[in-house]
PDB file of N, CA and C in Angstrom:
ATOM      1  N   MET A   1     122.829 136.372 -54.899  1.00  0.00           N
ATOM      2  CA  MET A   1     122.310 137.338 -53.960  1.00  0.00           C
ATOM      3  C   MET A   1     123.434 137.862 -53.057  1.00  0.00           C
ATOM      4  N   LEU A   2     124.354 136.977 -52.733  1.00  0.00           N
ATOM      5  CA  LEU A   2     125.482 137.441 -51.917  1.00  0.00           C
ATOM      6  C   LEU A   2     126.349 138.433 -52.683  1.00  0.00           C
ATOM      7  N   ASN A   3     126.321 138.332 -54.003  1.00  0.00           N
ATOM      8  CA  ASN A   3     127.064 139.304 -54.811  1.00  0.00           C
ATOM      9  C   ASN A   3     126.538 140.715 -54.573  1.00  0.00           C
ATOM     10  N   TRP A   4     125.220 140.847 -54.459  1.00  0.00           N
ATOM     11  CA  TRP A   4     124.619 142.155 -54.192  1.00  0.00           C
ATOM     12  C   TRP A   4     125.032 142.672 -52.816  1.00  0.00           C
ATOM     13  N   ALA A   5     125.059 141.782 -51.822  1.00  0.00           N
ATOM     14  CA  ALA A   5     125.469 142.197 -50.480  1.00  0.00           C
ATOM     15  C   ALA A   5     126.914 142.685 -50.481  1.00  0.00           C
ATOM     16  N   ILE A   6     127.773 141.976 -51.188  1.00  0.00           N
ATOM     17  CA  ILE A   6     129.174 142.386 -51.269  1.00  0.00           C
ATOM     18  C   ILE A   6     129.308 143.705 -52.018  1.00  0.00           C
ATOM     19  N   LEU A   7     128.521 143.871 -53.075  1.00  0.00           N
ATOM     20  CA  LEU A   7     128.544 145.118 -53.830  1.00  0.00           C
ATOM     21  C   LEU A   7     128.155 146.307 -52.955  1.00  0.00           C
ATOM     22  N   PHE A   8     127.078 146.163 -52.187  1.00  0.00           N
ATOM     23  CA  PHE A   8     126.659 147.250 -51.310  1.00  0.00           C
ATOM     24  C   PHE A   8     127.671 147.500 -50.198  1.00  0.00           C
ATOM     25  N   LEU A   9     128.340 146.456 -49.733  1.00  0.00           N
ATOM     26  CA  LEU A   9     129.386 146.627 -48.726  1.00  0.00           C
ATOM     27  C   LEU A   9     130.544 147.433 -49.296  1.00  0.00           C
ATOM     28  N   ILE A  10     130.944 147.144 -50.521  1.00  0.00           N
ATOM     29  CA  ILE A  10     132.026 147.890 -51.162  1.00  0.00           C
ATOM     30  C   ILE A  10     131.618 149.348 -51.378  1.00  0.00           C
ATOM     31  N   VAL A  11     130.369 149.561 -51.825  1.00  0.00           N
ATOM     32  CA  VAL A  11     129.869 150.929 -52.001  1.00  0.00           C
ATOM     33  C   VAL A  11     129.903 151.672 -50.674  1.00  0.00           C
ATOM     34  N   ALA A  12     129.510 151.005 -49.594  1.00  0.00           N
ATOM     35  CA  ALA A  12     129.520 151.640 -48.278  1.00  0.00           C
ATOM     36  C   ALA A  12     130.941 152.002 -47.844  1.00  0.00           C
ATOM     37  N   LEU A  13     131.884 151.112 -48.094  1.00  0.00           N
ATOM     38  CA  LEU A  13     133.265 151.386 -47.699  1.00  0.00           C
ATOM     39  C   LEU A  13     133.841 152.562 -48.483  1.00  0.00           C
ATOM     40  N   VAL A  14     133.568 152.600 -49.783  1.00  0.00           N
ATOM     41  CA  VAL A  14     134.062 153.703 -50.608  1.00  0.00           C
ATOM     42  C   VAL A  14     133.418 155.011 -50.171  1.00  0.00           C
ATOM     43  N   ALA A  15     132.110 154.982 -49.923  1.00  0.00           N
ATOM     44  CA  ALA A  15     131.410 156.189 -49.488  1.00  0.00           C
ATOM     45  C   ALA A  15     131.930 156.668 -48.137  1.00  0.00           C
ATOM     46  N   ALA A  16     132.234 155.742 -47.232  1.00  0.00           N
ATOM     47  CA  ALA A  16     132.759 156.124 -45.923  1.00  0.00           C
ATOM     48  C   ALA A  16     134.137 156.761 -46.045  1.00  0.00           C
ATOM     49  N   VAL A  17     134.969 156.209 -46.923  1.00  0.00           N
ATOM     50  CA  VAL A  17     136.310 156.763 -47.116  1.00  0.00           C
ATOM     51  C   VAL A  17     136.230 158.177 -47.695  1.00  0.00           C
ATOM     52  N   LEU A  18     135.266 158.391 -48.584  1.00  0.00           N
ATOM     53  CA  LEU A  18     135.116 159.699 -49.206  1.00  0.00           C
ATOM     54  C   LEU A  18     134.353 160.697 -48.335  1.00  0.00           C
ATOM     55  N   GLY A  19     133.808 160.238 -47.216  1.00  0.00           N
ATOM     56  CA  GLY A  19     133.154 161.149 -46.287  1.00  0.00           C
ATOM     57  C   GLY A  19     131.650 161.266 -46.449  1.00  0.00           C
ATOM     58  N   PHE A  20     131.045 160.390 -47.204  1.00  0.00           N
ATOM     59  CA  PHE A  20     129.597 160.415 -47.375  1.00  0.00           C
ATOM     60  C   PHE A  20     128.963 159.463 -46.364  1.00  0.00           C
ATOM     61  N   GLY A  21     128.776 159.942 -45.142  1.00  0.00           N
ATOM     62  CA  GLY A  21     128.291 159.090 -44.054  1.00  0.00           C
ATOM     63  C   GLY A  21     126.878 158.583 -44.259  1.00  0.00           C
ATOM     64  N   GLY A  22     125.992 159.423 -44.777  1.00  0.00           N
ATOM     65  CA  GLY A  22     124.606 159.007 -44.981  1.00  0.00           C
ATOM     66  C   GLY A  22     124.475 157.903 -46.006  1.00  0.00           C
ATOM     67  N   ILE A  23     125.189 158.052 -47.095  1.00  0.00           N
ATOM     68  CA  ILE A  23     125.153 157.030 -48.146  1.00  0.00           C
ATOM     69  C   ILE A  23     125.788 155.734 -47.634  1.00  0.00           C
ATOM     70  N   ALA A  24     126.871 155.858 -46.888  1.00  0.00           N
ATOM     71  CA  ALA A  24     127.546 154.672 -46.353  1.00  0.00           C
ATOM     72  C   ALA A  24     126.631 153.927 -45.388  1.00  0.00           C
ATOM     73  N   GLY A  25     125.938 154.661 -44.534  1.00  0.00           N
ATOM     74  CA  GLY A  25     125.023 154.022 -43.586  1.00  0.00           C
ATOM     75  C   GLY A  25     123.879 153.310 -44.282  1.00  0.00           C
ATOM     76  N   THR A  26     123.337 153.943 -45.301  1.00  0.00           N
ATOM     77  CA  THR A  26     122.247 153.329 -46.053  1.00  0.00           C
ATOM     78  C   THR A  26     122.714 152.084 -46.794  1.00  0.00           C
ATOM     79  N   ALA A  27     123.880 152.165 -47.427  1.00  0.00           N
ATOM     80  CA  ALA A  27     124.402 151.017 -48.173  1.00  0.00           C
ATOM     81  C   ALA A  27     124.709 149.850 -47.243  1.00  0.00           C
ATOM     82  N   ILE A  28     125.234 150.133 -46.060  1.00  0.00           N
ATOM     83  CA  ILE A  28     125.518 149.065 -45.098  1.00  0.00           C
ATOM     84  C   ILE A  28     124.222 148.426 -44.617  1.00  0.00           C
ATOM     85  N   GLY A  29     123.185 149.238 -44.406  1.00  0.00           N
ATOM     86  CA  GLY A  29     121.885 148.701 -44.004  1.00  0.00           C
ATOM     87  C   GLY A  29     121.302 147.781 -45.064  1.00  0.00           C
ATOM     88  N   ILE A  30     121.390 148.201 -46.308  1.00  0.00           N
ATOM     89  CA  ILE A  30     120.888 147.372 -47.412  1.00  0.00           C
ATOM     90  C   ILE A  30     121.700 146.079 -47.509  1.00  0.00           C
ATOM     91  N   ALA A  31     123.009 146.179 -47.355  1.00  0.00           N
ATOM     92  CA  ALA A  31     123.863 144.987 -47.423  1.00  0.00           C
ATOM     93  C   ALA A  31     123.507 143.999 -46.318  1.00  0.00           C
ATOM     94  N   LYS A  32     123.227 144.490 -45.120  1.00  0.00           N
ATOM     95  CA  LYS A  32     122.836 143.602 -44.017  1.00  0.00           C
ATOM     96  C   LYS A  32     121.527 142.889 -44.316  1.00  0.00           C
ATOM     97  N   ILE A  33     120.554 143.626 -44.839  1.00  0.00           N
ATOM     98  CA  ILE A  33     119.255 143.030 -45.152  1.00  0.00           C
ATOM     99  C   ILE A  33     119.398 141.962 -46.228  1.00  0.00           C
ATOM    100  N   ILE A  34     120.140 142.269 -47.282  1.00  0.00           N
ATOM    101  CA  ILE A  34     120.328 141.297 -48.363  1.00  0.00           C
ATOM    102  C   ILE A  34     121.062 140.068 -47.854  1.00  0.00           C
ATOM    103  N   PHE A  35     122.050 140.250 -46.984  1.00  0.00           N
ATOM    104  CA  PHE A  35     122.796 139.124 -46.439  1.00  0.00           C
ATOM    105  C   PHE A  35     121.891 138.220 -45.616  1.00  0.00           C
ATOM    106  N   VAL A  36     121.041 138.813 -44.778  1.00  0.00           N
ATOM    107  CA  VAL A  36     120.127 138.016 -43.954  1.00  0.00           C
ATOM    108  C   VAL A  36     119.135 137.263 -44.833  1.00  0.00           C
ATOM    109  N   VAL A  37     118.608 137.919 -45.856  1.00  0.00           N
ATOM    110  CA  VAL A  37     117.680 137.252 -46.770  1.00  0.00           C
ATOM    111  C   VAL A  37     118.372 136.080 -47.469  1.00  0.00           C
ATOM    112  N   ALA A  38     119.609 136.265 -47.881  1.00  0.00           N
ATOM    113  CA  ALA A  38     120.352 135.193 -48.545  1.00  0.00           C
ATOM    114  C   ALA A  38     120.555 134.007 -47.603  1.00  0.00           C
ATOM    115  N   ILE A  39     120.881 134.273 -46.357  1.00  0.00           N
ATOM    116  CA  ILE A  39     121.074 133.194 -45.383  1.00  0.00           C
ATOM    117  C   ILE A  39     119.770 132.454 -45.138  1.00  0.00           C
ATOM    118  N   VAL A  40     118.661 133.182 -44.996  1.00  0.00           N
ATOM    119  CA  VAL A  40     117.362 132.552 -44.770  1.00  0.00           C
ATOM    120  C   VAL A  40     116.981 131.678 -45.966  1.00  0.00           C
ATOM    121  N   LEU A  41     117.169 132.194 -47.179  1.00  0.00           N
ATOM    122  CA  LEU A  41     116.859 131.400 -48.373  1.00  0.00           C
ATOM    123  C   LEU A  41     117.739 130.155 -48.461  1.00  0.00           C
ATOM    124  N   PHE A  42     119.004 130.280 -48.070  1.00  0.00           N
ATOM    125  CA  PHE A  42     119.887 129.118 -48.062  1.00  0.00           C
ATOM    126  C   PHE A  42     119.396 128.066 -47.075  1.00  0.00           C
ATOM    127  N   LEU A  43     119.001 128.501 -45.881  1.00  0.00           N
ATOM    128  CA  LEU A  43     118.516 127.546 -44.879  1.00  0.00           C
ATOM    129  C   LEU A  43     117.235 126.861 -45.334  1.00  0.00           C
ATOM    130  N   ILE A  44     116.326 127.616 -45.927  1.00  0.00           N
ATOM    131  CA  ILE A  44     115.093 127.019 -46.440  1.00  0.00           C
ATOM    132  C   ILE A  44     115.418 126.002 -47.528  1.00  0.00           C
ATOM    133  N   SER A  45     116.335 126.335 -48.406  1.00  0.00           N
ATOM    134  CA  SER A  45     116.738 125.429 -49.466  1.00  0.00           C
ATOM    135  C   SER A  45     117.365 124.153 -48.897  1.00  0.00           C
ATOM    136  N   ALA A  46     118.199 124.297 -47.884  1.00  0.00           N
ATOM    137  CA  ALA A  46     118.848 123.129 -47.279  1.00  0.00           C
ATOM    138  C   ALA A  46     117.824 122.221 -46.604  1.00  0.00           C
ATOM    139  N   VAL A  47     116.858 122.808 -45.910  1.00  0.00           N
ATOM    140  CA  VAL A  47     115.818 122.002 -45.248  1.00  0.00           C
ATOM    141  C   VAL A  47     114.969 121.280 -46.279  1.00  0.00           C
ATOM    142  N   MET A  48     114.579 121.980 -47.338  1.00  0.00           N
ATOM    143  CA  MET A  48     113.774 121.345 -48.391  1.00  0.00           C
ATOM    144  C   MET A  48     114.542 120.208 -49.061  1.00  0.00           C
ATOM    145  N   HIS A  49     115.824 120.388 -49.260  1.00  0.00           N
ATOM    146  CA  HIS A  49     116.638 119.338 -49.866  1.00  0.00           C
ATOM    147  C   HIS A  49     116.698 118.128 -48.964  1.00  0.00           C
ATOM    148  N   MET A  50     116.854 118.330 -47.664  1.00  0.00           N
ATOM    149  CA  MET A  50     116.905 117.205 -46.724  1.00  0.00           C
ATOM    150  C   MET A  50     115.553 116.483 -46.649  1.00  0.00           C
ATOM    151  N   MET A  51     114.476 117.243 -46.721  1.00  0.00           N
ATOM    152  CA  MET A  51     113.140 116.623 -46.676  1.00  0.00           C
ATOM    153  C   MET A  51     112.889 115.815 -47.938  1.00  0.00           C
ATOM    154  N   ARG A  52     113.384 116.275 -49.074  1.00  0.00           N
ATOM    155  CA  ARG A  52     113.186 115.583 -50.332  1.00  0.00           C
ATOM    156  C   ARG A  52     113.971 114.261 -50.363  1.00  0.00           C
ATOM    157  N   ARG A  53     115.147 114.260 -49.746  1.00  0.00           N
ATOM    158  CA  ARG A  53     115.974 113.053 -49.720  1.00  0.00           C
ATOM    159  C   ARG A  53     115.373 111.964 -48.839  1.00  0.00           C
ATOM    160  N   ALA A  54     114.724 112.370 -47.755  1.00  0.00           N
ATOM    161  CA  ALA A  54     114.230 111.391 -46.773  1.00  0.00           C
ATOM    162  C   ALA A  54     112.981 110.676 -47.234  1.00  0.00           C
TER     163      ALA A  54
END
């Protein structure tokens, strides 16, 4: 999932360099959302793993 966030970040950077501000803003927004979802899923996974061990 983090691969998708990095991909959208790269797309945003390329679009910004080429002058496509709208596309860059949208890609950065999507990258932020995917990154937050990935972090939340990681935390849920870590908590479940700790509960399973105990």
